[in-house]
Protein backbone atom coordinates (compact mmCIF):
# COMPACT_ATOMS: atom_id res chain seq x y z
CA MET A 1 0.00 0.00 0.00
CA GLU A 2 1.32 3.44 -0.88
CA LYS A 3 2.45 5.83 1.84
CA THR A 4 -0.20 8.38 0.81
CA SER A 5 -2.92 5.76 1.26
CA ILE A 6 -1.63 4.89 4.73
CA ASP A 7 -1.45 8.59 5.64
CA SER A 8 -4.98 9.13 4.39
CA LEU A 9 -6.32 6.15 6.34
CA ALA A 10 -4.47 7.24 9.49
CA ALA A 11 -5.80 10.79 9.15
CA THR A 12 -9.35 9.51 8.78
CA LEU A 13 -9.03 7.35 11.89
CA ILE A 14 -7.44 10.18 13.89
CA GLU A 15 -10.28 12.52 12.93
CA ALA A 16 -12.66 10.06 14.56
CA LEU A 17 -10.93 10.52 17.92
CA PRO A 18 -12.48 12.99 20.36
CA ARG A 19 -10.99 16.51 20.24
CA GLU A 20 -10.55 16.42 24.03
CA LEU A 21 -7.49 14.20 23.59
CA GLY A 22 -5.51 17.27 22.45
CA SER A 23 -1.77 16.54 22.31
CA LEU A 24 -2.35 12.81 22.54
CA LYS A 25 -3.76 12.92 19.00
CA ALA A 26 -0.33 13.68 17.53
CA ASP A 27 1.24 10.74 19.35
CA ALA A 28 -1.67 8.51 18.41
CA GLU A 29 -1.36 9.56 14.77
CA SER A 30 2.32 8.64 14.47
CA ASN A 31 1.78 5.36 16.31
CA LEU A 32 -1.24 4.55 14.15
CA ARG A 33 0.69 5.22 10.93
CA ALA A 34 3.49 2.92 12.07
CA ALA A 35 1.03 0.20 13.11
CA LEU A 36 -0.87 0.42 9.82
CA ALA A 37 2.31 0.27 7.74
CA GLY A 38 3.64 -2.70 9.72
CA GLY A 39 0.35 -4.56 9.60
CA LEU A 40 -0.09 -4.07 5.87
CA LYS A 41 3.48 -5.20 5.16
CA ARG A 42 2.78 -8.52 6.88
CA LEU A 43 -0.25 -9.13 4.66
CA ASP A 44 2.00 -9.83 1.65
CA LEU A 45 -0.15 -7.78 -0.74
CA VAL A 46 0.51 -7.30 -4.45
CA THR A 47 -0.09 -4.25 -6.59
CA ARG A 48 -3.01 -4.04 -8.99
CA GLU A 49 -0.53 -4.20 -11.88
CA GLU A 50 1.08 -7.40 -10.58
CA PHE A 51 -2.37 -8.92 -10.06
CA GLU A 52 -3.48 -8.07 -13.61
CA VAL A 53 -0.27 -9.51 -15.11
CA GLN A 54 -0.78 -12.78 -13.22
CA GLN A 55 -4.45 -12.82 -14.21
CA ALA A 56 -3.46 -12.54 -17.90
CA VAL A 57 -0.86 -15.31 -17.52
CA LEU A 58 -3.49 -17.54 -15.93
CA ALA A 59 -5.99 -16.83 -18.73
CA ARG A 60 -3.40 -17.77 -21.39
CA THR A 61 -2.51 -20.92 -19.47
CA ARG A 62 -6.16 -21.93 -19.25
CA GLU A 63 -6.61 -21.40 -23.00
CA LYS A 64 -3.57 -23.53 -23.75
CA LEU A 65 -4.73 -26.26 -21.37
CA GLU A 66 -8.19 -26.34 -22.96
CA SER A 67 -6.59 -26.54 -26.41
CA LEU A 68 -4.33 -29.41 -25.33
CA GLU A 69 -7.25 -31.25 -23.72
CA ALA A 70 -9.30 -30.92 -26.93
CA ARG A 71 -6.36 -32.17 -29.01
CA LEU A 72 -5.84 -35.13 -26.65
CA LYS A 73 -9.54 -35.96 -26.89
CA GLU A 74 -9.29 -35.96 -30.69
CA LEU A 75 -6.29 -38.29 -30.61
CA ASP A 76 -8.04 -40.65 -28.17
CA GLY A 77 -11.34 -40.50 -30.03
């Protein structure tokens, strides 16, 4: 996940905190950003581009497999 997305998510969550927390909000914001970044890193996510490339590879592989299965069926038939 991009840093700007993490910052945006952290800012949204911090805005939900009560204003009475005052200076604690700044500490909470930096801790929340660090926690979000660490948690998302452990999820082993891929980018949209990587996902789409793998999706295309899988589609081509399926087409080739179907073609080979049809050819095998013709040879057996």
